[in-house]
Amino acid sequence: MNAFFAYLYRLRLIRRWSLMRNVMPENVAEHSYHVALLTHALCTIGIEVFGKQIPVEKAVTLALFHDVTEVITGDIPSPVKHHNDKLLGGFRELENLAAERLCDMIPEPLHRHYRPLIHGEDSDLHRWVKAADLLDAFLKCEMEISAGNREFVVAKQEIERRLQSLDMPEVDYFLRHFGSSFTQTLDELHDKDDSETT
């Protein structure tokens, strides 16, 4: 019996934003789905709007696995992880050890397929996943703030700064065309759909 996929299913038990009060709790499995969804969106925008050549399916698959080591390490809050270079280096080493632990579980015939995903070895595609990861965090902050939770105000400012530093027009396009809908109520979204179809 092999425990690899059973471990990955436990990502739904790992809570994100653990040091902050949340109106809408979120787990790592949900976050991974959202990052995969946003990676697909950003890559598709890159292709169709900006004429880039991007292997979308590979990027989305990488996104699905981008946080799998957290099933062993847990979700380490960003202010803790980035407190100083020494701590960050220690956490990076911990993540590498967790990645190796997961890779050791994989049966040999499957090993070559999953190891690059767990280690995030495709550096060219990693920037798309990183952009989607930050975009998901930004949208989370937007939704929490719109629900009256000021706990996420400073986090939103920091994440917005990091998003801008990526200098990716695909992110700007996404926020310009889709961003404001994330803070709307279901009734507002429904009314918007009706107005666009009539």
N, C-alpha and C. Protein backbone atom coordinates (compact mmCIF):
# COMPACT_ATOMS: atom_id res chain seq x y z
N MET A 1 0.84 -1.19 0.00
CA MET A 1 0.00 0.00 0.00
C MET A 1 0.88 1.25 0.00
N ASN A 2 0.54 2.23 -0.83
CA ASN A 2 1.33 3.45 -0.96
C ASN A 2 0.51 4.65 -0.47
N ALA A 3 1.13 5.52 0.33
CA ALA A 3 0.41 6.61 0.99
C ALA A 3 0.50 7.95 0.26
N PHE A 4 1.16 7.98 -0.90
CA PHE A 4 1.42 9.27 -1.55
C PHE A 4 0.16 10.09 -1.78
N PHE A 5 -0.82 9.52 -2.47
CA PHE A 5 -2.02 10.29 -2.78
C PHE A 5 -2.89 10.52 -1.55
N ALA A 6 -2.85 9.61 -0.60
CA ALA A 6 -3.57 9.83 0.66
C ALA A 6 -3.02 11.05 1.39
N TYR A 7 -1.70 11.22 1.33
CA TYR A 7 -1.09 12.42 1.91
C TYR A 7 -1.59 13.68 1.20
N LEU A 8 -1.62 13.66 -0.13
CA LEU A 8 -2.05 14.84 -0.88
C LEU A 8 -3.50 15.21 -0.57
N TYR A 9 -4.33 14.20 -0.32
CA TYR A 9 -5.73 14.48 0.03
C TYR A 9 -5.83 15.23 1.35
N ARG A 10 -4.81 15.11 2.19
CA ARG A 10 -4.83 15.79 3.49
C ARG A 10 -4.51 17.28 3.40
N LEU A 11 -4.23 17.77 2.20
CA LEU A 11 -4.04 19.20 2.03
C LEU A 11 -5.29 19.99 2.44
N ARG A 12 -6.44 19.33 2.35
CA ARG A 12 -7.67 20.02 2.74
C ARG A 12 -7.74 20.25 4.25
N LEU A 13 -6.86 19.60 5.01
CA LEU A 13 -6.84 19.76 6.46
C LEU A 13 -5.87 20.86 6.91
N ILE A 14 -5.06 21.37 5.97
CA ILE A 14 -4.06 22.39 6.31
C ILE A 14 -4.67 23.78 6.12
N ARG A 15 -4.81 24.50 7.20
CA ARG A 15 -5.43 25.81 7.17
C ARG A 15 -4.44 26.89 6.74
N ARG A 16 -4.89 27.81 5.90
CA ARG A 16 -4.08 28.96 5.49
C ARG A 16 -4.42 30.19 6.34
N TRP A 17 -3.53 31.18 6.30
CA TRP A 17 -3.73 32.45 7.01
C TRP A 17 -3.99 32.21 8.50
N SER A 18 -3.23 31.31 9.09
CA SER A 18 -3.53 30.83 10.45
C SER A 18 -3.32 31.88 11.53
N LEU A 19 -2.53 32.92 11.27
CA LEU A 19 -2.31 33.95 12.28
C LEU A 19 -3.31 35.10 12.19
N MET A 20 -4.22 35.00 11.20
CA MET A 20 -5.15 36.10 10.97
C MET A 20 -6.59 35.65 11.13
N ARG A 21 -7.42 36.60 11.60
CA ARG A 21 -8.86 36.31 11.72
C ARG A 21 -9.45 36.27 10.32
N ASN A 22 -10.16 35.18 10.01
CA ASN A 22 -10.74 34.98 8.68
C ASN A 22 -12.25 34.97 8.74
N VAL A 23 -12.88 35.74 7.86
CA VAL A 23 -14.33 35.61 7.66
C VAL A 23 -14.62 34.33 6.89
N MET A 24 -13.76 34.04 5.91
CA MET A 24 -13.91 32.85 5.06
C MET A 24 -12.67 31.98 5.20
N PRO A 25 -12.69 30.98 6.08
CA PRO A 25 -11.52 30.10 6.23
C PRO A 25 -11.16 29.43 4.90
N GLU A 26 -9.88 29.16 4.74
CA GLU A 26 -9.39 28.59 3.49
C GLU A 26 -8.36 27.51 3.80
N ASN A 27 -8.40 26.41 3.06
CA ASN A 27 -7.38 25.37 3.24
C ASN A 27 -6.49 25.29 2.01
N VAL A 28 -5.41 24.54 2.11
CA VAL A 28 -4.41 24.49 1.04
C VAL A 28 -4.95 23.81 -0.22
N ALA A 29 -5.84 22.84 -0.06
CA ALA A 29 -6.43 22.18 -1.24
C ALA A 29 -7.26 23.18 -2.04
N GLU A 30 -8.06 23.99 -1.35
CA GLU A 30 -8.84 25.03 -2.04
C GLU A 30 -7.91 26.01 -2.75
N HIS A 31 -6.91 26.45 -2.03
CA HIS A 31 -5.94 27.40 -2.58
C HIS A 31 -5.26 26.83 -3.83
N SER A 32 -4.87 25.56 -3.78
CA SER A 32 -4.19 24.94 -4.92
C SER A 32 -5.10 24.91 -6.15
N TYR A 33 -6.38 24.63 -5.94
CA TYR A 33 -7.33 24.66 -7.06
C TYR A 33 -7.43 26.08 -7.63
N HIS A 34 -7.54 27.07 -6.74
CA HIS A 34 -7.65 28.45 -7.21
C HIS A 34 -6.41 28.89 -7.97
N VAL A 35 -5.23 28.50 -7.47
CA VAL A 35 -3.99 28.86 -8.15
C VAL A 35 -3.91 28.19 -9.53
N ALA A 36 -4.35 26.94 -9.62
CA ALA A 36 -4.38 26.27 -10.92
C ALA A 36 -5.33 26.98 -11.88
N LEU A 37 -6.49 27.38 -11.36
CA LEU A 37 -7.49 28.10 -12.16
C LEU A 37 -6.92 29.43 -12.66
N LEU A 38 -6.27 30.16 -11.77
CA LEU A 38 -5.70 31.46 -12.14
C LEU A 38 -4.48 31.32 -13.05
N THR A 39 -3.71 30.26 -12.85
CA THR A 39 -2.59 30.00 -13.76
C THR A 39 -3.10 29.78 -15.18
N HIS A 40 -4.16 29.00 -15.29
CA HIS A 40 -4.77 28.76 -16.60
C HIS A 40 -5.24 30.08 -17.21
N ALA A 41 -5.88 30.92 -16.39
CA ALA A 41 -6.39 32.20 -16.88
C ALA A 41 -5.25 33.10 -17.35
N LEU A 42 -4.21 33.24 -16.53
CA LEU A 42 -3.10 34.13 -16.88
C LEU A 42 -2.37 33.65 -18.14
N CYS A 43 -2.16 32.35 -18.24
CA CYS A 43 -1.49 31.80 -19.43
C CYS A 43 -2.34 32.00 -20.68
N THR A 44 -3.64 31.78 -20.54
CA THR A 44 -4.54 31.95 -21.68
C THR A 44 -4.59 33.41 -22.11
N ILE A 45 -4.61 34.32 -21.15
CA ILE A 45 -4.54 35.75 -21.47
C ILE A 45 -3.23 36.06 -22.18
N GLY A 46 -2.14 35.48 -21.67
CA GLY A 46 -0.84 35.70 -22.30
C GLY A 46 -0.82 35.27 -23.75
N ILE A 47 -1.46 34.16 -24.04
CA ILE A 47 -1.49 33.62 -25.40
C ILE A 47 -2.42 34.44 -26.30
N GLU A 48 -3.67 34.61 -25.85
CA GLU A 48 -4.71 35.19 -26.70
C GLU A 48 -4.66 36.71 -26.78
N VAL A 49 -4.20 37.37 -25.73
CA VAL A 49 -4.20 38.84 -25.72
C VAL A 49 -2.82 39.40 -26.06
N PHE A 50 -1.76 38.73 -25.57
CA PHE A 50 -0.41 39.29 -25.73
C PHE A 50 0.48 38.48 -26.67
N GLY A 51 -0.10 37.45 -27.32
CA GLY A 51 0.62 36.73 -28.36
C GLY A 51 1.81 35.92 -27.88
N LYS A 52 1.79 35.46 -26.64
CA LYS A 52 2.90 34.68 -26.11
C LYS A 52 2.69 33.19 -26.37
N GLN A 53 3.75 32.43 -26.28
CA GLN A 53 3.67 30.98 -26.42
C GLN A 53 3.96 30.35 -25.06
N ILE A 54 2.94 29.74 -24.48
CA ILE A 54 3.05 29.18 -23.13
C ILE A 54 2.41 27.79 -23.13
N PRO A 55 3.08 26.77 -22.59
CA PRO A 55 2.46 25.45 -22.46
C PRO A 55 1.49 25.45 -21.27
N VAL A 56 0.25 25.80 -21.55
CA VAL A 56 -0.73 26.03 -20.49
C VAL A 56 -0.92 24.80 -19.60
N GLU A 57 -1.05 23.63 -20.22
CA GLU A 57 -1.33 22.42 -19.44
C GLU A 57 -0.20 22.12 -18.46
N LYS A 58 1.04 22.31 -18.88
CA LYS A 58 2.18 22.08 -17.99
C LYS A 58 2.17 23.07 -16.83
N ALA A 59 1.85 24.32 -17.13
CA ALA A 59 1.81 25.34 -16.08
C ALA A 59 0.71 25.03 -15.06
N VAL A 60 -0.46 24.62 -15.53
CA VAL A 60 -1.57 24.31 -14.64
C VAL A 60 -1.24 23.10 -13.76
N THR A 61 -0.61 22.10 -14.34
CA THR A 61 -0.21 20.93 -13.56
C THR A 61 0.79 21.31 -12.48
N LEU A 62 1.75 22.16 -12.83
CA LEU A 62 2.71 22.64 -11.84
C LEU A 62 2.00 23.40 -10.71
N ALA A 63 1.00 24.18 -11.08
CA ALA A 63 0.24 24.94 -10.07
C ALA A 63 -0.48 24.02 -9.09
N LEU A 64 -1.03 22.92 -9.60
CA LEU A 64 -1.74 21.99 -8.72
C LEU A 64 -0.85 21.44 -7.61
N PHE A 65 0.43 21.33 -7.91
CA PHE A 65 1.37 20.72 -6.97
C PHE A 65 2.24 21.75 -6.22
N HIS A 66 1.99 23.03 -6.43
CA HIS A 66 2.95 24.03 -5.96
C HIS A 66 3.09 24.11 -4.44
N ASP A 67 2.08 23.66 -3.70
CA ASP A 67 2.15 23.73 -2.23
C ASP A 67 2.05 22.36 -1.56
N VAL A 68 2.34 21.29 -2.29
CA VAL A 68 2.13 19.95 -1.71
C VAL A 68 3.01 19.68 -0.50
N THR A 69 4.17 20.32 -0.41
CA THR A 69 5.03 20.07 0.75
C THR A 69 4.39 20.54 2.06
N GLU A 70 3.38 21.39 1.96
CA GLU A 70 2.71 21.89 3.16
C GLU A 70 1.91 20.81 3.88
N VAL A 71 1.70 19.68 3.22
CA VAL A 71 1.04 18.57 3.92
C VAL A 71 1.97 18.02 5.01
N ILE A 72 3.26 18.31 4.89
CA ILE A 72 4.25 17.92 5.90
C ILE A 72 4.66 19.10 6.77
N THR A 73 4.90 20.26 6.15
CA THR A 73 5.39 21.41 6.91
C THR A 73 4.29 22.25 7.53
N GLY A 74 3.06 22.11 7.00
CA GLY A 74 2.01 23.07 7.35
C GLY A 74 2.21 24.35 6.56
N ASP A 75 1.23 25.25 6.65
CA ASP A 75 1.33 26.54 5.98
C ASP A 75 2.04 27.51 6.91
N ILE A 76 3.23 27.94 6.52
CA ILE A 76 4.02 28.85 7.35
C ILE A 76 3.67 30.28 6.94
N PRO A 77 3.12 31.09 7.85
CA PRO A 77 2.72 32.46 7.50
C PRO A 77 3.88 33.26 6.92
N SER A 78 3.59 34.04 5.89
CA SER A 78 4.62 34.80 5.19
C SER A 78 5.43 35.73 6.10
N PRO A 79 4.79 36.47 7.04
CA PRO A 79 5.60 37.34 7.92
C PRO A 79 6.61 36.57 8.76
N VAL A 80 6.28 35.32 9.10
CA VAL A 80 7.21 34.49 9.86
C VAL A 80 8.33 34.00 8.93
N LYS A 81 7.93 33.48 7.78
CA LYS A 81 8.91 32.91 6.83
C LYS A 81 9.91 33.95 6.36
N HIS A 82 9.43 35.17 6.13
CA HIS A 82 10.28 36.22 5.56
C HIS A 82 10.80 37.20 6.61
N HIS A 83 10.79 36.79 7.87
CA HIS A 83 11.24 37.69 8.94
C HIS A 83 12.69 38.10 8.75
N ASN A 84 13.54 37.15 8.37
CA ASN A 84 14.93 37.47 8.02
C ASN A 84 15.48 36.37 7.12
N ASP A 85 16.63 36.62 6.53
CA ASP A 85 17.21 35.69 5.55
C ASP A 85 17.54 34.33 6.17
N LYS A 86 17.97 34.34 7.42
CA LYS A 86 18.34 33.09 8.08
C LYS A 86 17.11 32.20 8.27
N LEU A 87 16.01 32.80 8.72
CA LEU A 87 14.77 32.03 8.87
C LEU A 87 14.29 31.52 7.52
N LEU A 88 14.33 32.39 6.51
CA LEU A 88 13.87 31.99 5.17
C LEU A 88 14.69 30.82 4.65
N GLY A 89 16.01 30.88 4.85
CA GLY A 89 16.87 29.78 4.42
C GLY A 89 16.53 28.48 5.13
N GLY A 90 16.22 28.58 6.43
CA GLY A 90 15.83 27.39 7.19
C GLY A 90 14.52 26.80 6.68
N PHE A 91 13.57 27.67 6.35
CA PHE A 91 12.29 27.18 5.84
C PHE A 91 12.44 26.57 4.45
N ARG A 92 13.32 27.15 3.63
CA ARG A 92 13.57 26.58 2.30
C ARG A 92 14.17 25.17 2.43
N GLU A 93 15.07 25.01 3.38
CA GLU A 93 15.65 23.68 3.61
C GLU A 93 14.59 22.71 4.09
N LEU A 94 13.71 23.18 4.97
CA LEU A 94 12.61 22.34 5.46
C LEU A 94 11.70 21.91 4.31
N GLU A 95 11.39 22.85 3.41
CA GLU A 95 10.54 22.54 2.25
C GLU A 95 11.21 21.50 1.35
N ASN A 96 12.52 21.62 1.16
CA ASN A 96 13.24 20.64 0.34
C ASN A 96 13.22 19.25 0.97
N LEU A 97 13.38 19.20 2.29
CA LEU A 97 13.30 17.91 2.99
C LEU A 97 11.91 17.31 2.87
N ALA A 98 10.89 18.16 2.97
CA ALA A 98 9.51 17.68 2.83
C ALA A 98 9.26 17.17 1.41
N ALA A 99 9.81 17.88 0.42
CA ALA A 99 9.67 17.44 -0.97
C ALA A 99 10.32 16.09 -1.18
N GLU A 100 11.51 15.89 -0.61
CA GLU A 100 12.18 14.60 -0.73
C GLU A 100 11.39 13.49 -0.04
N ARG A 101 10.79 13.82 1.09
CA ARG A 101 9.97 12.83 1.82
C ARG A 101 8.80 12.38 0.95
N LEU A 102 8.15 13.32 0.28
CA LEU A 102 7.05 12.97 -0.62
C LEU A 102 7.54 12.17 -1.82
N CYS A 103 8.68 12.59 -2.38
CA CYS A 103 9.23 11.88 -3.53
C CYS A 103 9.59 10.44 -3.19
N ASP A 104 10.04 10.22 -1.95
CA ASP A 104 10.39 8.86 -1.52
C ASP A 104 9.18 7.93 -1.50
N MET A 105 7.98 8.51 -1.42
CA MET A 105 6.76 7.69 -1.38
C MET A 105 6.34 7.21 -2.76
N ILE A 106 6.79 7.88 -3.79
CA ILE A 106 6.27 7.62 -5.14
C ILE A 106 6.85 6.33 -5.70
N PRO A 107 6.03 5.42 -6.21
CA PRO A 107 6.55 4.21 -6.84
C PRO A 107 7.45 4.54 -8.03
N GLU A 108 8.45 3.74 -8.25
CA GLU A 108 9.47 4.02 -9.26
C GLU A 108 8.89 4.31 -10.66
N PRO A 109 7.89 3.56 -11.14
CA PRO A 109 7.39 3.85 -12.50
C PRO A 109 6.80 5.25 -12.64
N LEU A 110 6.37 5.87 -11.53
CA LEU A 110 5.73 7.18 -11.57
C LEU A 110 6.68 8.31 -11.17
N HIS A 111 7.82 7.93 -10.65
CA HIS A 111 8.73 8.89 -10.01
C HIS A 111 9.11 10.06 -10.94
N ARG A 112 9.45 9.76 -12.17
CA ARG A 112 9.94 10.80 -13.08
C ARG A 112 8.85 11.81 -13.44
N HIS A 113 7.59 11.43 -13.26
CA HIS A 113 6.49 12.35 -13.57
C HIS A 113 6.21 13.31 -12.42
N TYR A 114 6.34 12.83 -11.19
CA TYR A 114 5.93 13.62 -10.03
C TYR A 114 7.05 14.40 -9.37
N ARG A 115 8.28 13.90 -9.46
CA ARG A 115 9.38 14.61 -8.81
C ARG A 115 9.54 16.06 -9.31
N PRO A 116 9.53 16.32 -10.63
CA PRO A 116 9.66 17.72 -11.08
C PRO A 116 8.51 18.60 -10.60
N LEU A 117 7.32 18.02 -10.45
CA LEU A 117 6.17 18.79 -9.99
C LEU A 117 6.32 19.16 -8.51
N ILE A 118 6.76 18.21 -7.72
CA ILE A 118 6.90 18.44 -6.28
C ILE A 118 8.02 19.44 -6.00
N HIS A 119 9.09 19.37 -6.78
CA HIS A 119 10.22 20.29 -6.58
C HIS A 119 10.06 21.59 -7.36
N GLY A 120 9.02 21.69 -8.20
CA GLY A 120 8.82 22.91 -8.98
C GLY A 120 10.00 23.27 -9.84
N GLU A 121 10.49 22.29 -10.60
CA GLU A 121 11.77 22.44 -11.29
C GLU A 121 11.72 23.24 -12.59
N ASP A 122 10.53 23.50 -13.13
CA ASP A 122 10.44 24.23 -14.40
C ASP A 122 10.44 25.73 -14.12
N SER A 123 11.62 26.33 -14.13
CA SER A 123 11.76 27.73 -13.72
C SER A 123 11.02 28.69 -14.65
N ASP A 124 10.94 28.37 -15.95
CA ASP A 124 10.24 29.26 -16.88
C ASP A 124 8.75 29.35 -16.57
N LEU A 125 8.17 28.24 -16.18
CA LEU A 125 6.74 28.23 -15.87
C LEU A 125 6.45 28.68 -14.44
N HIS A 126 7.46 28.63 -13.59
CA HIS A 126 7.26 28.98 -12.18
C HIS A 126 6.75 30.42 -12.02
N ARG A 127 7.17 31.32 -12.91
CA ARG A 127 6.74 32.72 -12.78
C ARG A 127 5.23 32.86 -12.97
N TRP A 128 4.66 31.99 -13.81
CA TRP A 128 3.20 32.04 -14.01
C TRP A 128 2.47 31.54 -12.76
N VAL A 129 3.01 30.49 -12.17
CA VAL A 129 2.41 29.94 -10.95
C VAL A 129 2.57 30.94 -9.80
N LYS A 130 3.73 31.58 -9.71
CA LYS A 130 3.96 32.58 -8.67
C LYS A 130 3.00 33.74 -8.81
N ALA A 131 2.79 34.19 -10.05
CA ALA A 131 1.84 35.28 -10.29
C ALA A 131 0.43 34.88 -9.87
N ALA A 132 0.04 33.66 -10.21
CA ALA A 132 -1.29 33.18 -9.83
C ALA A 132 -1.42 33.02 -8.32
N ASP A 133 -0.34 32.57 -7.68
CA ASP A 133 -0.32 32.41 -6.22
C ASP A 133 -0.54 33.76 -5.54
N LEU A 134 0.20 34.77 -5.99
CA LEU A 134 0.03 36.12 -5.42
C LEU A 134 -1.34 36.70 -5.75
N LEU A 135 -1.81 36.45 -6.96
CA LEU A 135 -3.12 36.96 -7.36
C LEU A 135 -4.22 36.35 -6.50
N ASP A 136 -4.11 35.06 -6.21
CA ASP A 136 -5.10 34.42 -5.34
C ASP A 136 -5.07 35.03 -3.94
N ALA A 137 -3.88 35.30 -3.43
CA ALA A 137 -3.76 35.93 -2.11
C ALA A 137 -4.36 37.34 -2.14
N PHE A 138 -4.13 38.07 -3.22
CA PHE A 138 -4.69 39.42 -3.35
C PHE A 138 -6.22 39.38 -3.37
N LEU A 139 -6.77 38.44 -4.13
CA LEU A 139 -8.23 38.31 -4.20
C LEU A 139 -8.81 37.90 -2.84
N LYS A 140 -8.10 37.04 -2.13
CA LYS A 140 -8.51 36.67 -0.77
C LYS A 140 -8.59 37.91 0.12
N CYS A 141 -7.57 38.75 0.06
CA CYS A 141 -7.56 39.99 0.85
C CYS A 141 -8.74 40.88 0.46
N GLU A 142 -8.97 41.03 -0.83
CA GLU A 142 -10.08 41.85 -1.32
C GLU A 142 -11.42 41.36 -0.76
N MET A 143 -11.61 40.04 -0.80
CA MET A 143 -12.89 39.49 -0.34
C MET A 143 -13.05 39.63 1.17
N GLU A 144 -11.97 39.44 1.92
CA GLU A 144 -12.04 39.60 3.37
C GLU A 144 -12.33 41.06 3.74
N ILE A 145 -11.67 41.99 3.09
CA ILE A 145 -11.88 43.41 3.38
C ILE A 145 -13.31 43.82 3.02
N SER A 146 -13.80 43.31 1.88
CA SER A 146 -15.17 43.66 1.46
C SER A 146 -16.22 43.09 2.42
N ALA A 147 -15.83 42.05 3.17
CA ALA A 147 -16.73 41.48 4.18
C ALA A 147 -16.57 42.17 5.53
N GLY A 148 -15.80 43.27 5.55
CA GLY A 148 -15.65 44.06 6.77
C GLY A 148 -14.49 43.66 7.66
N ASN A 149 -13.60 42.81 7.16
CA ASN A 149 -12.49 42.32 7.96
C ASN A 149 -11.22 43.12 7.64
N ARG A 150 -10.88 44.06 8.52
CA ARG A 150 -9.71 44.92 8.29
C ARG A 150 -8.39 44.21 8.58
N GLU A 151 -8.45 42.98 9.05
CA GLU A 151 -7.26 42.20 9.33
C GLU A 151 -6.35 42.07 8.11
N PHE A 152 -6.94 42.19 6.91
CA PHE A 152 -6.21 41.92 5.67
C PHE A 152 -5.77 43.19 4.94
N VAL A 153 -5.94 44.36 5.54
CA VAL A 153 -5.62 45.62 4.85
C VAL A 153 -4.13 45.72 4.53
N VAL A 154 -3.29 45.50 5.52
CA VAL A 154 -1.84 45.63 5.30
C VAL A 154 -1.34 44.52 4.38
N ALA A 155 -1.87 43.31 4.55
CA ALA A 155 -1.48 42.19 3.68
C ALA A 155 -1.80 42.51 2.23
N LYS A 156 -2.97 43.10 1.99
CA LYS A 156 -3.35 43.46 0.62
C LYS A 156 -2.35 44.44 0.01
N GLN A 157 -1.93 45.44 0.79
CA GLN A 157 -0.98 46.44 0.28
C GLN A 157 0.36 45.79 -0.09
N GLU A 158 0.83 44.89 0.76
CA GLU A 158 2.10 44.21 0.51
C GLU A 158 2.01 43.30 -0.72
N ILE A 159 0.91 42.55 -0.80
CA ILE A 159 0.74 41.63 -1.94
C ILE A 159 0.57 42.41 -3.24
N GLU A 160 -0.15 43.52 -3.18
CA GLU A 160 -0.31 44.37 -4.37
C GLU A 160 1.04 44.89 -4.85
N ARG A 161 1.91 45.29 -3.92
CA ARG A 161 3.25 45.74 -4.27
C ARG A 161 4.04 44.62 -4.96
N ARG A 162 3.93 43.41 -4.42
CA ARG A 162 4.65 42.28 -5.00
C ARG A 162 4.10 41.91 -6.37
N LEU A 163 2.78 42.01 -6.54
CA LEU A 163 2.18 41.74 -7.85
C LEU A 163 2.68 42.74 -8.89
N GLN A 164 2.72 44.02 -8.51
CA GLN A 164 3.18 45.05 -9.45
C GLN A 164 4.64 44.85 -9.84
N SER A 165 5.44 44.35 -8.89
CA SER A 165 6.87 44.14 -9.17
C SER A 165 7.10 43.03 -10.19
N LEU A 166 6.10 42.17 -10.39
CA LEU A 166 6.23 41.11 -11.40
C LEU A 166 6.22 41.67 -12.82
N ASP A 167 5.57 42.84 -12.98
CA ASP A 167 5.49 43.49 -14.28
C ASP A 167 4.94 42.54 -15.35
N MET A 168 3.79 41.93 -15.02
CA MET A 168 3.13 41.00 -15.95
C MET A 168 1.81 41.62 -16.41
N PRO A 169 1.71 41.99 -17.67
CA PRO A 169 0.47 42.62 -18.15
C PRO A 169 -0.74 41.70 -18.03
N GLU A 170 -0.50 40.40 -17.97
CA GLU A 170 -1.61 39.45 -17.83
C GLU A 170 -2.34 39.64 -16.50
N VAL A 171 -1.58 39.96 -15.45
CA VAL A 171 -2.19 40.21 -14.13
C VAL A 171 -3.05 41.47 -14.19
N ASP A 172 -2.52 42.52 -14.80
CA ASP A 172 -3.27 43.78 -14.94
C ASP A 172 -4.56 43.54 -15.73
N TYR A 173 -4.44 42.77 -16.80
CA TYR A 173 -5.61 42.46 -17.63
C TYR A 173 -6.67 41.73 -16.81
N PHE A 174 -6.24 40.73 -16.05
CA PHE A 174 -7.17 39.95 -15.24
C PHE A 174 -7.89 40.85 -14.24
N LEU A 175 -7.14 41.67 -13.53
CA LEU A 175 -7.74 42.53 -12.51
C LEU A 175 -8.68 43.56 -13.14
N ARG A 176 -8.29 44.08 -14.28
CA ARG A 176 -9.11 45.09 -14.96
C ARG A 176 -10.44 44.49 -15.43
N HIS A 177 -10.41 43.26 -15.94
CA HIS A 177 -11.62 42.67 -16.52
C HIS A 177 -12.43 41.82 -15.53
N PHE A 178 -11.77 41.24 -14.54
CA PHE A 178 -12.45 40.29 -13.66
C PHE A 178 -12.38 40.65 -12.17
N GLY A 179 -11.43 41.49 -11.80
CA GLY A 179 -11.14 41.70 -10.38
C GLY A 179 -12.30 42.20 -9.54
N SER A 180 -13.03 43.20 -10.02
CA SER A 180 -14.08 43.82 -9.19
C SER A 180 -15.22 42.86 -8.87
N SER A 181 -15.41 41.83 -9.69
CA SER A 181 -16.53 40.90 -9.45
C SER A 181 -16.32 40.06 -8.19
N PHE A 182 -15.08 39.93 -7.72
CA PHE A 182 -14.81 39.09 -6.56
C PHE A 182 -15.33 39.69 -5.26
N THR A 183 -15.63 40.97 -5.26
CA THR A 183 -16.15 41.61 -4.03
C THR A 183 -17.65 41.82 -4.10
N GLN A 184 -18.28 41.31 -5.14
CA GLN A 184 -19.73 41.48 -5.28
C GLN A 184 -20.49 40.34 -4.60
N THR A 185 -21.70 40.65 -4.19
CA THR A 185 -22.58 39.63 -3.61
C THR A 185 -23.14 38.76 -4.73
N LEU A 186 -23.75 37.64 -4.35
CA LEU A 186 -24.34 36.75 -5.35
C LEU A 186 -25.44 37.47 -6.13
N ASP A 187 -26.25 38.27 -5.43
CA ASP A 187 -27.31 39.02 -6.12
C ASP A 187 -26.73 40.01 -7.11
N GLU A 188 -25.64 40.68 -6.73
CA GLU A 188 -25.00 41.63 -7.64
C GLU A 188 -24.43 40.92 -8.86
N LEU A 189 -23.81 39.76 -8.65
CA LEU A 189 -23.29 38.99 -9.77
C LEU A 189 -24.43 38.54 -10.69
N HIS A 190 -25.55 38.12 -10.11
CA HIS A 190 -26.69 37.67 -10.88
C HIS A 190 -27.28 38.82 -11.70
N ASP A 191 -27.41 39.99 -11.06
CA ASP A 191 -27.93 41.15 -11.77
C ASP A 191 -27.03 41.56 -12.92
N LYS A 192 -25.72 41.43 -12.70
CA LYS A 192 -24.74 41.76 -13.74
C LYS A 192 -24.88 40.82 -14.92
N ASP A 193 -25.06 39.52 -14.62
CA ASP A 193 -25.25 38.52 -15.69
C ASP A 193 -26.50 38.84 -16.50
N ASP A 194 -27.59 39.20 -15.80
CA ASP A 194 -28.84 39.51 -16.50
C ASP A 194 -28.69 40.72 -17.41
N SER A 195 -27.98 41.77 -16.92
CA SER A 195 -27.82 42.99 -17.70
C SER A 195 -26.96 42.74 -18.95
N GLU A 196 -26.02 41.80 -18.86
CA GLU A 196 -25.14 41.54 -19.99
C GLU A 196 -25.79 40.65 -21.04
N THR A 197 -26.83 39.92 -20.65
CA THR A 197 -27.50 39.02 -21.61
C THR A 197 -28.75 39.65 -22.23
N THR A 198 -29.12 40.83 -21.72
CA THR A 198 -30.32 41.47 -22.29
C THR A 198 -29.95 42.62 -23.21
